[in-house]
Amino acid sequence: MIASNHNDSPSPLLDRAIGRARLRLVPFLLLMYILAFLDRANIGFAKQAFQVSAHISDAAFACSS
């Protein structure tokens, strides 16, 4: 068996840094995910009315049929 000089558990400083990153990033990323979903849904609902009022085709709207 080979002896190792390092600890198997991460340092408390690393644990604290990861915890802070999670507390700051996870809520922000969740908010961005929700906003992206709402934006995608709203574009889907508005597509037909926008095409009629602007007189553009599916190709101009960049939508594949």
PDB file of N, CA and C in Angstrom:
ATOM      1  N   MET A   1       0.837  -1.174   0.000  1.00  0.00           N
ATOM      2  CA  MET A   1       0.000   0.000   0.000  1.00  0.00           C
ATOM      3  C   MET A   1       0.885   1.241   0.000  1.00  0.00           C
ATOM      4  N   ILE A   2       0.526   2.214  -0.844  1.00  0.00           N
ATOM      5  CA  ILE A   2       1.306   3.433  -0.960  1.00  0.00           C
ATOM      6  C   ILE A   2       0.708   4.487  -0.046  1.00  0.00           C
ATOM      7  N   ALA A   3       1.536   5.079   0.773  1.00  0.00           N
ATOM      8  CA  ALA A   3       1.063   6.123   1.684  1.00  0.00           C
ATOM      9  C   ALA A   3       0.977   7.451   0.942  1.00  0.00           C
ATOM     10  N   SER A   4      -0.045   8.211   1.247  1.00  0.00           N
ATOM     11  CA  SER A   4      -0.184   9.533   0.628  1.00  0.00           C
ATOM     12  C   SER A   4      -0.071  10.608   1.697  1.00  0.00           C
ATOM     13  N   ASN A   5       0.436  11.744   1.309  1.00  0.00           N
ATOM     14  CA  ASN A   5       0.634  12.837   2.252  1.00  0.00           C
ATOM     15  C   ASN A   5      -0.505  13.844   2.253  1.00  0.00           C
ATOM     16  N   HIS A   6      -1.460  13.707   1.348  1.00  0.00           N
ATOM     17  CA  HIS A   6      -2.554  14.674   1.288  1.00  0.00           C
ATOM     18  C   HIS A   6      -3.803  14.107   1.931  1.00  0.00           C
ATOM     19  N   ASN A   7      -4.670  14.998   2.357  1.00  0.00           N
ATOM     20  CA  ASN A   7      -5.945  14.592   2.965  1.00  0.00           C
ATOM     21  C   ASN A   7      -6.920  14.182   1.876  1.00  0.00           C
ATOM     22  N   ASP A   8      -7.802  13.275   2.202  1.00  0.00           N
ATOM     23  CA  ASP A   8      -8.819  12.853   1.245  1.00  0.00           C
ATOM     24  C   ASP A   8      -9.983  13.834   1.185  1.00  0.00           C
ATOM     25  N   SER A   9     -10.152  14.657   2.206  1.00  0.00           N
ATOM     26  CA  SER A   9     -11.248  15.625   2.209  1.00  0.00           C
ATOM     27  C   SER A   9     -10.737  16.985   1.741  1.00  0.00           C
ATOM     28  N   PRO A  10     -11.577  17.728   1.016  1.00  0.00           N
ATOM     29  CA  PRO A  10     -11.164  19.054   0.558  1.00  0.00           C
ATOM     30  C   PRO A  10     -11.033  20.020   1.736  1.00  0.00           C
ATOM     31  N   SER A  11     -10.321  21.079   1.525  1.00  0.00           N
ATOM     32  CA  SER A  11     -10.093  22.042   2.598  1.00  0.00           C
ATOM     33  C   SER A  11     -11.379  22.806   2.919  1.00  0.00           C
ATOM     34  N   PRO A  12     -11.494  23.303   4.134  1.00  0.00           N
ATOM     35  CA  PRO A  12     -12.685  24.085   4.501  1.00  0.00           C
ATOM     36  C   PRO A  12     -12.810  25.359   3.661  1.00  0.00           C
ATOM     37  N   LEU A  13     -11.690  25.928   3.248  1.00  0.00           N
ATOM     38  CA  LEU A  13     -11.721  27.125   2.417  1.00  0.00           C
ATOM     39  C   LEU A  13     -12.366  26.825   1.063  1.00  0.00           C
ATOM     40  N   LEU A  14     -12.030  25.674   0.496  1.00  0.00           N
ATOM     41  CA  LEU A  14     -12.624  25.270  -0.772  1.00  0.00           C
ATOM     42  C   LEU A  14     -14.119  25.006  -0.613  1.00  0.00           C
ATOM     43  N   ASP A  15     -14.495  24.357   0.471  1.00  0.00           N
ATOM     44  CA  ASP A  15     -15.918  24.107   0.732  1.00  0.00           C
ATOM     45  C   ASP A  15     -16.694  25.417   0.855  1.00  0.00           C
ATOM     46  N   ARG A  16     -16.121  26.397   1.537  1.00  0.00           N
ATOM     47  CA  ARG A  16     -16.787  27.687   1.699  1.00  0.00           C
ATOM     48  C   ARG A  16     -16.905  28.420   0.361  1.00  0.00           C
ATOM     49  N   ALA A  17     -15.860  28.346  -0.464  1.00  0.00           N
ATOM     50  CA  ALA A  17     -15.895  29.006  -1.772  1.00  0.00           C
ATOM     51  C   ALA A  17     -16.947  28.376  -2.681  1.00  0.00           C
ATOM     52  N   ILE A  18     -17.036  27.070  -2.662  1.00  0.00           N
ATOM     53  CA  ILE A  18     -18.033  26.377  -3.483  1.00  0.00           C
ATOM     54  C   ILE A  18     -19.438  26.702  -2.984  1.00  0.00           C
ATOM     55  N   GLY A  19     -19.623  26.755  -1.681  1.00  0.00           N
ATOM     56  CA  GLY A  19     -20.924  27.109  -1.115  1.00  0.00           C
ATOM     57  C   GLY A  19     -21.350  28.517  -1.492  1.00  0.00           C
ATOM     58  N   ARG A  20     -20.408  29.455  -1.439  1.00  0.00           N
ATOM     59  CA  ARG A  20     -20.729  30.831  -1.836  1.00  0.00           C
ATOM     60  C   ARG A  20     -21.070  30.909  -3.320  1.00  0.00           C
ATOM     61  N   ALA A  21     -20.327  30.200  -4.139  1.00  0.00           N
ATOM     62  CA  ALA A  21     -20.592  30.210  -5.580  1.00  0.00           C
ATOM     63  C   ALA A  21     -21.985  29.646  -5.858  1.00  0.00           C
ATOM     64  N   ARG A  22     -22.333  28.590  -5.172  1.00  0.00           N
ATOM     65  CA  ARG A  22     -23.673  28.009  -5.360  1.00  0.00           C
ATOM     66  C   ARG A  22     -24.757  28.983  -4.938  1.00  0.00           C
ATOM     67  N   LEU A  23     -24.573  29.640  -3.801  1.00  0.00           N
ATOM     68  CA  LEU A  23     -25.590  30.575  -3.307  1.00  0.00           C
ATOM     69  C   LEU A  23     -25.777  31.756  -4.246  1.00  0.00           C
ATOM     70  N   ARG A  24     -24.737  32.155  -4.929  1.00  0.00           N
ATOM     71  CA  ARG A  24     -24.840  33.303  -5.829  1.00  0.00           C
ATOM     72  C   ARG A  24     -25.227  32.902  -7.248  1.00  0.00           C
ATOM     73  N   LEU A  25     -24.731  31.786  -7.729  1.00  0.00           N
ATOM     74  CA  LEU A  25     -24.947  31.405  -9.123  1.00  0.00           C
ATOM     75  C   LEU A  25     -26.259  30.674  -9.372  1.00  0.00           C
ATOM     76  N   VAL A  26     -26.641  29.781  -8.509  1.00  0.00           N
ATOM     77  CA  VAL A  26     -27.831  28.967  -8.754  1.00  0.00           C
ATOM     78  C   VAL A  26     -29.096  29.821  -8.875  1.00  0.00           C
ATOM     79  N   PRO A  27     -29.367  30.767  -7.968  1.00  0.00           N
ATOM     80  CA  PRO A  27     -30.569  31.595  -8.163  1.00  0.00           C
ATOM     81  C   PRO A  27     -30.518  32.413  -9.451  1.00  0.00           C
ATOM     82  N   PHE A  28     -29.349  32.962  -9.779  1.00  0.00           N
ATOM     83  CA  PHE A  28     -29.206  33.747 -11.002  1.00  0.00           C
ATOM     84  C   PHE A  28     -29.438  32.878 -12.236  1.00  0.00           C
ATOM     85  N   LEU A  29     -28.857  31.692 -12.270  1.00  0.00           N
ATOM     86  CA  LEU A  29     -29.043  30.798 -13.412  1.00  0.00           C
ATOM     87  C   LEU A  29     -30.485  30.330 -13.525  1.00  0.00           C
ATOM     88  N   LEU A  30     -31.147  30.098 -12.421  1.00  0.00           N
ATOM     89  CA  LEU A  30     -32.559  29.715 -12.444  1.00  0.00           C
ATOM     90  C   LEU A  30     -33.418  30.848 -13.003  1.00  0.00           C
ATOM     91  N   LEU A  31     -33.141  32.071 -12.599  1.00  0.00           N
ATOM     92  CA  LEU A  31     -33.860  33.224 -13.124  1.00  0.00           C
ATOM     93  C   LEU A  31     -33.640  33.367 -14.628  1.00  0.00           C
ATOM     94  N   MET A  32     -32.413  33.196 -15.083  1.00  0.00           N
ATOM     95  CA  MET A  32     -32.128  33.297 -16.520  1.00  0.00           C
ATOM     96  C   MET A  32     -32.836  32.193 -17.309  1.00  0.00           C
ATOM     97  N   TYR A  33     -32.915  30.994 -16.736  1.00  0.00           N
ATOM     98  CA  TYR A  33     -33.616  29.894 -17.391  1.00  0.00           C
ATOM     99  C   TYR A  33     -35.101  30.218 -17.548  1.00  0.00           C
ATOM    100  N   ILE A  34     -35.711  30.754 -16.498  1.00  0.00           N
ATOM    101  CA  ILE A  34     -37.139  31.099 -16.551  1.00  0.00           C
ATOM    102  C   ILE A  34     -37.382  32.205 -17.568  1.00  0.00           C
ATOM    103  N   LEU A  35     -36.533  33.226 -17.580  1.00  0.00           N
ATOM    104  CA  LEU A  35     -36.693  34.314 -18.548  1.00  0.00           C
ATOM    105  C   LEU A  35     -36.531  33.819 -19.984  1.00  0.00           C
ATOM    106  N   ALA A  36     -35.588  32.930 -20.225  1.00  0.00           N
ATOM    107  CA  ALA A  36     -35.402  32.376 -21.565  1.00  0.00           C
ATOM    108  C   ALA A  36     -36.627  31.564 -21.990  1.00  0.00           C
ATOM    109  N   PHE A  37     -37.196  30.805 -21.060  1.00  0.00           N
ATOM    110  CA  PHE A  37     -38.391  30.023 -21.364  1.00  0.00           C
ATOM    111  C   PHE A  37     -39.558  30.934 -21.708  1.00  0.00           C
ATOM    112  N   LEU A  38     -39.770  31.983 -20.908  1.00  0.00           N
ATOM    113  CA  LEU A  38     -40.868  32.918 -21.167  1.00  0.00           C
ATOM    114  C   LEU A  38     -40.672  33.643 -22.491  1.00  0.00           C
ATOM    115  N   ASP A  39     -39.452  34.010 -22.789  1.00  0.00           N
ATOM    116  CA  ASP A  39     -39.174  34.682 -24.048  1.00  0.00           C
ATOM    117  C   ASP A  39     -39.500  33.765 -25.222  1.00  0.00           C
ATOM    118  N   ARG A  40     -39.095  32.517 -25.129  1.00  0.00           N
ATOM    119  CA  ARG A  40     -39.360  31.547 -26.202  1.00  0.00           C
ATOM    120  C   ARG A  40     -40.856  31.323 -26.360  1.00  0.00           C
ATOM    121  N   ALA A  41     -41.575  31.220 -25.256  1.00  0.00           N
ATOM    122  CA  ALA A  41     -43.024  30.996 -25.312  1.00  0.00           C
ATOM    123  C   ALA A  41     -43.738  32.211 -25.897  1.00  0.00           C
ATOM    124  N   ASN A  42     -43.337  33.404 -25.502  1.00  0.00           N
ATOM    125  CA  ASN A  42     -43.986  34.612 -26.014  1.00  0.00           C
ATOM    126  C   ASN A  42     -43.757  34.782 -27.510  1.00  0.00           C
ATOM    127  N   ILE A  43     -42.586  34.455 -27.988  1.00  0.00           N
ATOM    128  CA  ILE A  43     -42.314  34.544 -29.425  1.00  0.00           C
ATOM    129  C   ILE A  43     -43.197  33.550 -30.178  1.00  0.00           C
ATOM    130  N   GLY A  44     -43.384  32.380 -29.605  1.00  0.00           N
ATOM    131  CA  GLY A  44     -44.247  31.387 -30.235  1.00  0.00           C
ATOM    132  C   GLY A  44     -45.691  31.854 -30.339  1.00  0.00           C
ATOM    133  N   PHE A  45     -46.189  32.511 -29.300  1.00  0.00           N
ATOM    134  CA  PHE A  45     -47.563  33.013 -29.322  1.00  0.00           C
ATOM    135  C   PHE A  45     -47.729  34.194 -30.265  1.00  0.00           C
ATOM    136  N   ALA A  46     -46.728  35.023 -30.356  1.00  0.00           N
ATOM    137  CA  ALA A  46     -46.829  36.246 -31.145  1.00  0.00           C
ATOM    138  C   ALA A  46     -46.482  36.042 -32.620  1.00  0.00           C
ATOM    139  N   LYS A  47     -45.991  34.873 -32.974  1.00  0.00           N
ATOM    140  CA  LYS A  47     -45.510  34.636 -34.337  1.00  0.00           C
ATOM    141  C   LYS A  47     -46.575  34.917 -35.392  1.00  0.00           C
ATOM    142  N   GLN A  48     -47.727  34.332 -35.245  1.00  0.00           N
ATOM    143  CA  GLN A  48     -48.755  34.464 -36.272  1.00  0.00           C
ATOM    144  C   GLN A  48     -49.222  35.911 -36.420  1.00  0.00           C
ATOM    145  N   ALA A  49     -49.492  36.583 -35.327  1.00  0.00           N
ATOM    146  CA  ALA A  49     -49.941  37.977 -35.392  1.00  0.00           C
ATOM    147  C   ALA A  49     -48.852  38.863 -35.988  1.00  0.00           C
ATOM    148  N   PHE A  50     -47.607  38.586 -35.641  1.00  0.00           N
ATOM    149  CA  PHE A  50     -46.506  39.384 -36.176  1.00  0.00           C
ATOM    150  C   PHE A  50     -46.356  39.172 -37.678  1.00  0.00           C
ATOM    151  N   GLN A  51     -46.482  37.935 -38.127  1.00  0.00           N
ATOM    152  CA  GLN A  51     -46.360  37.647 -39.554  1.00  0.00           C
ATOM    153  C   GLN A  51     -47.471  38.332 -40.345  1.00  0.00           C
ATOM    154  N   VAL A  52     -48.683  38.356 -39.821  1.00  0.00           N
ATOM    155  CA  VAL A  52     -49.801  38.992 -40.514  1.00  0.00           C
ATOM    156  C   VAL A  52     -49.607  40.507 -40.564  1.00  0.00           C
ATOM    157  N   SER A  53     -49.248  41.101 -39.459  1.00  0.00           N
ATOM    158  CA  SER A  53     -49.125  42.558 -39.424  1.00  0.00           C
ATOM    159  C   SER A  53     -47.903  43.066 -40.179  1.00  0.00           C
ATOM    160  N   ALA A  54     -46.818  42.299 -40.201  1.00  0.00           N
ATOM    161  CA  ALA A  54     -45.592  42.740 -40.874  1.00  0.00           C
ATOM    162  C   ALA A  54     -45.495  42.194 -42.299  1.00  0.00           C
ATOM    163  N   HIS A  55     -46.427  41.329 -42.692  1.00  0.00           N
ATOM    164  CA  HIS A  55     -46.445  40.725 -44.026  1.00  0.00           C
ATOM    165  C   HIS A  55     -45.122  40.020 -44.352  1.00  0.00           C
ATOM    166  N   ILE A  56     -44.707  39.126 -43.451  1.00  0.00           N
ATOM    167  CA  ILE A  56     -43.479  38.369 -43.690  1.00  0.00           C
ATOM    168  C   ILE A  56     -43.808  36.883 -43.747  1.00  0.00           C
ATOM    169  N   SER A  57     -42.961  36.144 -44.434  1.00  0.00           N
ATOM    170  CA  SER A  57     -43.162  34.697 -44.582  1.00  0.00           C
ATOM    171  C   SER A  57     -42.466  33.945 -43.452  1.00  0.00           C
ATOM    172  N   ASP A  58     -42.680  32.627 -43.464  1.00  0.00           N
ATOM    173  CA  ASP A  58     -41.996  31.786 -42.490  1.00  0.00           C
ATOM    174  C   ASP A  58     -40.483  31.868 -42.665  1.00  0.00           C
ATOM    175  N   ALA A  59     -40.033  31.918 -43.895  1.00  0.00           N
ATOM    176  CA  ALA A  59     -38.586  32.000 -44.152  1.00  0.00           C
ATOM    177  C   ALA A  59     -38.018  33.302 -43.597  1.00  0.00           C
ATOM    178  N   ALA A  60     -38.744  34.387 -43.747  1.00  0.00           N
ATOM    179  CA  ALA A  60     -38.270  35.672 -43.228  1.00  0.00           C
ATOM    180  C   ALA A  60     -38.281  35.667 -41.698  1.00  0.00           C
ATOM    181  N   PHE A  61     -39.190  34.938 -41.123  1.00  0.00           N
ATOM    182  CA  PHE A  61     -39.266  34.828 -39.658  1.00  0.00           C
ATOM    183  C   PHE A  61     -38.197  33.883 -39.136  1.00  0.00           C
ATOM    184  N   ALA A  62     -37.507  33.195 -40.048  1.00  0.00           N
ATOM    185  CA  ALA A  62     -36.444  32.236 -39.698  1.00  0.00           C
ATOM    186  C   ALA A  62     -37.013  31.024 -38.966  1.00  0.00           C
ATOM    187  N   CYS A  63     -38.101  30.527 -39.498  1.00  0.00           N
ATOM    188  CA  CYS A  63     -38.748  29.368 -38.902  1.00  0.00           C
ATOM    189  C   CYS A  63     -38.817  28.272 -39.955  1.00  0.00           C
ATOM    190  N   SER A  64     -38.447  27.073 -39.610  1.00  0.00           N
ATOM    191  CA  SER A  64     -38.529  25.974 -40.579  1.00  0.00           C
ATOM    192  C   SER A  64     -39.904  25.329 -40.520  1.00  0.00           C
ATOM    193  N   SER A  65     -40.448  25.034 -41.664  1.00  0.00           N
ATOM    194  CA  SER A  65     -41.785  24.430 -41.725  1.00  0.00           C
ATOM    195  C   SER A  65     -41.706  22.940 -41.834  1.00  0.00           C
TER     196      SER A  65
END
